[in-house]
C-alpha cells in the first residue's frame, strides 16, 4: 500500500471513529459508512476529472 493510500485509510478511520463517538454512526452502520467516508476522502485527495455535481449524470 502506498503512502497516500495509508494516509487516506488513517484519515477515514479517524473520521469514522469521531462519527461513532458523537453518535452520528452506529457500529451496525459502520461498514457502509466507512466505504462512503473512504470514497469521499479519496476523491478529495486524488481529485476527479468531473466536478461532483456532474457525477450523477
PDB file of N, CA and C in Angstrom:
ATOM      1  N   UNK A   1       0.853  -1.178   0.000  1.00  0.00           N
ATOM      2  CA  UNK A   1       0.000   0.000   0.000  1.00  0.00           C
ATOM      3  C   UNK A   1       0.891   1.231   0.000  1.00  0.00           C
ATOM      4  N   UNK A   2       0.549   2.157  -0.856  1.00  0.00           N
ATOM      5  CA  UNK A   2       1.343   3.367  -0.970  1.00  0.00           C
ATOM      6  C   UNK A   2       1.089   4.323   0.173  1.00  0.00           C
ATOM      7  N   UNK A   3       1.937   5.287   0.288  1.00  0.00           N
ATOM      8  CA  UNK A   3       1.867   6.269   1.358  1.00  0.00           C
ATOM      9  C   UNK A   3       0.551   7.062   1.318  1.00  0.00           C
ATOM     10  N   UNK A   4       0.118   7.462   0.147  1.00  0.00           N
ATOM     11  CA  UNK A   4      -1.124   8.223   0.015  1.00  0.00           C
ATOM     12  C   UNK A   4      -2.301   7.366   0.475  1.00  0.00           C
ATOM     13  N   UNK A   5      -2.333   6.108   0.047  1.00  0.00           N
ATOM     14  CA  UNK A   5      -3.432   5.218   0.437  1.00  0.00           C
ATOM     15  C   UNK A   5      -3.458   4.986   1.949  1.00  0.00           C
ATOM     16  N   UNK A   6      -2.295   4.878   2.566  1.00  0.00           N
ATOM     17  CA  UNK A   6      -2.225   4.718   4.019  1.00  0.00           C
ATOM     18  C   UNK A   6      -2.772   5.946   4.725  1.00  0.00           C
ATOM     19  N   UNK A   7      -2.450   7.121   4.223  1.00  0.00           N
ATOM     20  CA  UNK A   7      -2.957   8.354   4.826  1.00  0.00           C
ATOM     21  C   UNK A   7      -4.461   8.483   4.650  1.00  0.00           C
ATOM     22  N   UNK A   8      -4.967   8.069   3.493  1.00  0.00           N
ATOM     23  CA  UNK A   8      -6.407   8.086   3.258  1.00  0.00           C
ATOM     24  C   UNK A   8      -7.091   7.133   4.239  1.00  0.00           C
ATOM     25  N   UNK A   9      -6.532   5.950   4.416  1.00  0.00           N
ATOM     26  CA  UNK A   9      -7.096   4.974   5.336  1.00  0.00           C
ATOM     27  C   UNK A   9      -7.085   5.497   6.773  1.00  0.00           C
ATOM     28  N   UNK A  10      -5.991   6.111   7.194  1.00  0.00           N
ATOM     29  CA  UNK A  10      -5.907   6.670   8.548  1.00  0.00           C
ATOM     30  C   UNK A  10      -6.923   7.784   8.762  1.00  0.00           C
ATOM     31  N   UNK A  11      -7.031   8.679   7.788  1.00  0.00           N
ATOM     32  CA  UNK A  11      -7.986   9.783   7.904  1.00  0.00           C
ATOM     33  C   UNK A  11      -9.409   9.248   7.958  1.00  0.00           C
ATOM     34  N   UNK A  12      -9.708   8.265   7.138  1.00  0.00           N
ATOM     35  CA  UNK A  12     -11.031   7.655   7.126  1.00  0.00           C
ATOM     36  C   UNK A  12     -11.345   7.029   8.473  1.00  0.00           C
ATOM     37  N   UNK A  13     -10.376   6.331   9.036  1.00  0.00           N
ATOM     38  CA  UNK A  13     -10.563   5.699  10.338  1.00  0.00           C
ATOM     39  C   UNK A  13     -10.842   6.742  11.413  1.00  0.00           C
ATOM     40  N   UNK A  14     -10.078   7.807  11.419  1.00  0.00           N
ATOM     41  CA  UNK A  14     -10.267   8.858  12.426  1.00  0.00           C
ATOM     42  C   UNK A  14     -11.641   9.507  12.300  1.00  0.00           C
ATOM     43  N   UNK A  15     -12.081   9.773  11.077  1.00  0.00           N
ATOM     44  CA  UNK A  15     -13.390  10.378  10.856  1.00  0.00           C
ATOM     45  C   UNK A  15     -14.491   9.419  11.316  1.00  0.00           C
ATOM     46  N   UNK A  16     -14.371   8.149  10.946  1.00  0.00           N
ATOM     47  CA  UNK A  16     -15.380   7.162  11.333  1.00  0.00           C
ATOM     48  C   UNK A  16     -15.463   7.026  12.851  1.00  0.00           C
ATOM     49  N   UNK A  17     -14.326   7.008  13.522  1.00  0.00           N
ATOM     50  CA  UNK A  17     -14.309   6.903  14.984  1.00  0.00           C
ATOM     51  C   UNK A  17     -14.997   8.116  15.603  1.00  0.00           C
ATOM     52  N   UNK A  18     -14.719   9.304  15.099  1.00  0.00           N
ATOM     53  CA  UNK A  18     -15.372  10.513  15.621  1.00  0.00           C
ATOM     54  C   UNK A  18     -16.884  10.454  15.410  1.00  0.00           C
ATOM     55  N   UNK A  19     -17.325   9.977  14.254  1.00  0.00           N
ATOM     56  CA  UNK A  19     -18.751   9.846  13.997  1.00  0.00           C
ATOM     57  C   UNK A  19     -19.399   8.871  14.975  1.00  0.00           C
ATOM     58  N   UNK A  20     -18.725   7.764  15.271  1.00  0.00           N
ATOM     59  CA  UNK A  20     -19.245   6.795  16.226  1.00  0.00           C
ATOM     60  C   UNK A  20     -19.290   7.406  17.625  1.00  0.00           C
ATOM     61  N   UNK A  21     -18.227   8.100  18.015  1.00  0.00           N
ATOM     62  CA  UNK A  21     -18.162   8.719  19.342  1.00  0.00           C
ATOM     63  C   UNK A  21     -19.257   9.754  19.549  1.00  0.00           C
ATOM     64  N   UNK A  22     -19.594  10.484  18.512  1.00  0.00           N
ATOM     65  CA  UNK A  22     -20.621  11.525  18.634  1.00  0.00           C
ATOM     66  C   UNK A  22     -22.030  10.984  18.389  1.00  0.00           C
ATOM     67  N   UNK A  23     -22.145   9.711  18.071  1.00  0.00           N
ATOM     68  CA  UNK A  23     -23.448   9.101  17.874  1.00  0.00           C
ATOM     69  C   UNK A  23     -24.042   9.296  16.497  1.00  0.00           C
ATOM     70  N   UNK A  24     -23.266   9.804  15.569  1.00  0.00           N
ATOM     71  CA  UNK A  24     -23.785  10.022  14.214  1.00  0.00           C
ATOM     72  C   UNK A  24     -23.811   8.735  13.404  1.00  0.00           C
ATOM     73  N   UNK A  25     -22.996   7.753  13.805  1.00  0.00           N
ATOM     74  CA  UNK A  25     -22.958   6.458  13.127  1.00  0.00           C
ATOM     75  C   UNK A  25     -22.992   5.384  14.201  1.00  0.00           C
ATOM     76  N   UNK A  26     -23.849   4.399  13.999  1.00  0.00           N
ATOM     77  CA  UNK A  26     -23.882   3.278  14.940  1.00  0.00           C
ATOM     78  C   UNK A  26     -22.886   2.221  14.465  1.00  0.00           C
ATOM     79  N   UNK A  27     -22.399   1.395  15.386  1.00  0.00           N
ATOM     80  CA  UNK A  27     -21.479   0.335  14.965  1.00  0.00           C
ATOM     81  C   UNK A  27     -22.075  -0.587  13.899  1.00  0.00           C
ATOM     82  N   UNK A  28     -23.384  -0.776  13.920  1.00  0.00           N
ATOM     83  CA  UNK A  28     -24.007  -1.636  12.903  1.00  0.00           C
ATOM     84  C   UNK A  28     -23.984  -0.992  11.515  1.00  0.00           C
ATOM     85  N   UNK A  29     -23.946   0.334  11.450  1.00  0.00           N
ATOM     86  CA  UNK A  29     -23.891   1.029  10.168  1.00  0.00           C
ATOM     87  C   UNK A  29     -22.478   1.333   9.714  1.00  0.00           C
ATOM     88  N   UNK A  30     -21.504   0.849  10.468  1.00  0.00           N
ATOM     89  CA  UNK A  30     -20.104   1.161  10.195  1.00  0.00           C
ATOM     90  C   UNK A  30     -19.623   0.730   8.809  1.00  0.00           C
ATOM     91  N   UNK A  31     -19.867  -0.507   8.384  1.00  0.00           N
ATOM     92  CA  UNK A  31     -19.297  -0.933   7.085  1.00  0.00           C
ATOM     93  C   UNK A  31     -19.692  -0.037   5.914  1.00  0.00           C
ATOM     94  N   UNK A  32     -20.975   0.293   5.831  1.00  0.00           N
ATOM     95  CA  UNK A  32     -21.426   1.129   4.717  1.00  0.00           C
ATOM     96  C   UNK A  32     -20.867   2.549   4.837  1.00  0.00           C
ATOM     97  N   UNK A  33     -20.891   3.094   6.060  1.00  0.00           N
ATOM     98  CA  UNK A  33     -20.406   4.448   6.272  1.00  0.00           C
ATOM     99  C   UNK A  33     -18.900   4.532   6.021  1.00  0.00           C
ATOM    100  N   UNK A  34     -18.160   3.504   6.401  1.00  0.00           N
ATOM    101  CA  UNK A  34     -16.713   3.520   6.190  1.00  0.00           C
ATOM    102  C   UNK A  34     -16.400   3.621   4.697  1.00  0.00           C
ATOM    103  N   UNK A  35     -17.110   2.852   3.887  1.00  0.00           N
ATOM    104  CA  UNK A  35     -16.893   2.904   2.430  1.00  0.00           C
ATOM    105  C   UNK A  35     -17.186   4.287   1.872  1.00  0.00           C
ATOM    106  N   UNK A  36     -18.265   4.886   2.356  1.00  0.00           N
ATOM    107  CA  UNK A  36     -18.650   6.221   1.897  1.00  0.00           C
ATOM    108  C   UNK A  36     -17.608   7.256   2.286  1.00  0.00           C
ATOM    109  N   UNK A  37     -17.164   7.197   3.540  1.00  0.00           N
ATOM    110  CA  UNK A  37     -16.147   8.143   4.015  1.00  0.00           C
ATOM    111  C   UNK A  37     -14.855   7.957   3.239  1.00  0.00           C
ATOM    112  N   UNK A  38     -14.451   6.696   3.036  1.00  0.00           N
ATOM    113  CA  UNK A  38     -13.204   6.410   2.315  1.00  0.00           C
ATOM    114  C   UNK A  38     -13.269   6.987   0.898  1.00  0.00           C
ATOM    115  N   UNK A  39     -14.374   6.757   0.214  1.00  0.00           N
ATOM    116  CA  UNK A  39     -14.520   7.266  -1.155  1.00  0.00           C
ATOM    117  C   UNK A  39     -14.437   8.788  -1.192  1.00  0.00           C
ATOM    118  N   UNK A  40     -15.069   9.431  -0.229  1.00  0.00           N
ATOM    119  CA  UNK A  40     -15.066  10.894  -0.175  1.00  0.00           C
ATOM    120  C   UNK A  40     -13.667  11.431   0.077  1.00  0.00           C
ATOM    121  N   UNK A  41     -12.963  10.833   1.015  1.00  0.00           N
ATOM    122  CA  UNK A  41     -11.594  11.278   1.324  1.00  0.00           C
ATOM    123  C   UNK A  41     -10.684  11.021   0.121  1.00  0.00           C
ATOM    124  N   UNK A  42     -10.834   9.861  -0.493  1.00  0.00           N
ATOM    125  CA  UNK A  42     -10.003   9.527  -1.656  1.00  0.00           C
ATOM    126  C   UNK A  42     -10.225  10.509  -2.799  1.00  0.00           C
ATOM    127  N   UNK A  43     -11.485  10.855  -3.060  1.00  0.00           N
ATOM    128  CA  UNK A  43     -11.784  11.829  -4.115  1.00  0.00           C
ATOM    129  C   UNK A  43     -11.178  13.191  -3.794  1.00  0.00           C
ATOM    130  N   UNK A  44     -11.262  13.578  -2.527  1.00  0.00           N
ATOM    131  CA  UNK A  44     -10.709  14.874  -2.121  1.00  0.00           C
ATOM    132  C   UNK A  44      -9.190  14.910  -2.284  1.00  0.00           C
ATOM    133  N   UNK A  45      -8.540  13.814  -1.981  1.00  0.00           N
ATOM    134  CA  UNK A  45      -7.075  13.766  -2.040  1.00  0.00           C
ATOM    135  C   UNK A  45      -6.577  13.606  -3.475  1.00  0.00           C
ATOM    136  N   UNK A  46      -7.151  12.666  -4.179  1.00  0.00           N
ATOM    137  CA  UNK A  46      -6.659  12.345  -5.525  1.00  0.00           C
ATOM    138  C   UNK A  46      -7.304  13.188  -6.611  1.00  0.00           C
ATOM    139  N   UNK A  47      -8.457  13.781  -6.308  1.00  0.00           N
ATOM    140  CA  UNK A  47      -9.153  14.590  -7.300  1.00  0.00           C
ATOM    141  C   UNK A  47      -9.889  13.714  -8.289  1.00  0.00           C
ATOM    142  N   UNK A  48     -10.782  14.343  -9.029  1.00  0.00           N
ATOM    143  CA  UNK A  48     -11.545  13.637 -10.055  1.00  0.00           C
ATOM    144  C   UNK A  48     -11.538  14.467 -11.326  1.00  0.00           C
ATOM    145  N   UNK A  49     -11.892  13.824 -12.436  1.00  0.00           N
ATOM    146  CA  UNK A  49     -11.945  14.529 -13.715  1.00  0.00           C
ATOM    147  C   UNK A  49     -13.170  15.425 -13.813  1.00  0.00           C
ATOM    148  N   UNK A  50     -14.275  15.007 -13.148  1.00  0.00           N
ATOM    149  CA  UNK A  50     -15.522  15.756 -13.222  1.00  0.00           C
ATOM    150  C   UNK A  50     -15.824  16.393 -11.872  1.00  0.00           C
ATOM    151  N   UNK A  51     -16.422  17.569 -11.872  1.00  0.00           N
ATOM    152  CA  UNK A  51     -16.894  18.149 -10.621  1.00  0.00           C
ATOM    153  C   UNK A  51     -17.974  17.266 -10.004  1.00  0.00           C
ATOM    154  N   UNK A  52     -18.131  17.278  -8.668  1.00  0.00           N
ATOM    155  CA  UNK A  52     -19.099  16.389  -8.016  1.00  0.00           C
ATOM    156  C   UNK A  52     -20.524  16.492  -8.535  1.00  0.00           C
ATOM    157  N   UNK A  53     -20.988  17.683  -8.921  1.00  0.00           N
ATOM    158  CA  UNK A  53     -22.368  17.818  -9.371  1.00  0.00           C
ATOM    159  C   UNK A  53     -22.608  17.121 -10.707  1.00  0.00           C
ATOM    160  N   UNK A  54     -21.565  16.816 -11.481  1.00  0.00           N
ATOM    161  CA  UNK A  54     -21.723  16.143 -12.761  1.00  0.00           C
ATOM    162  C   UNK A  54     -21.625  14.618 -12.641  1.00  0.00           C
ATOM    163  N   UNK A  55     -21.225  14.093 -11.505  1.00  0.00           N
ATOM    164  CA  UNK A  55     -21.028  12.652 -11.361  1.00  0.00           C
ATOM    165  C   UNK A  55     -22.318  11.860 -11.476  1.00  0.00           C
ATOM    166  N   UNK A  56     -23.435  12.420 -11.060  1.00  0.00           N
ATOM    167  CA  UNK A  56     -24.697  11.681 -11.053  1.00  0.00           C
ATOM    168  C   UNK A  56     -25.370  11.612 -12.409  1.00  0.00           C
ATOM    169  N   UNK A  57     -24.855  12.264 -13.382  1.00  0.00           N
ATOM    170  CA  UNK A  57     -25.481  12.279 -14.708  1.00  0.00           C
ATOM    171  C   UNK A  57     -25.059  11.102 -15.529  1.00  0.00           C
TER     172      UNK A  57
END
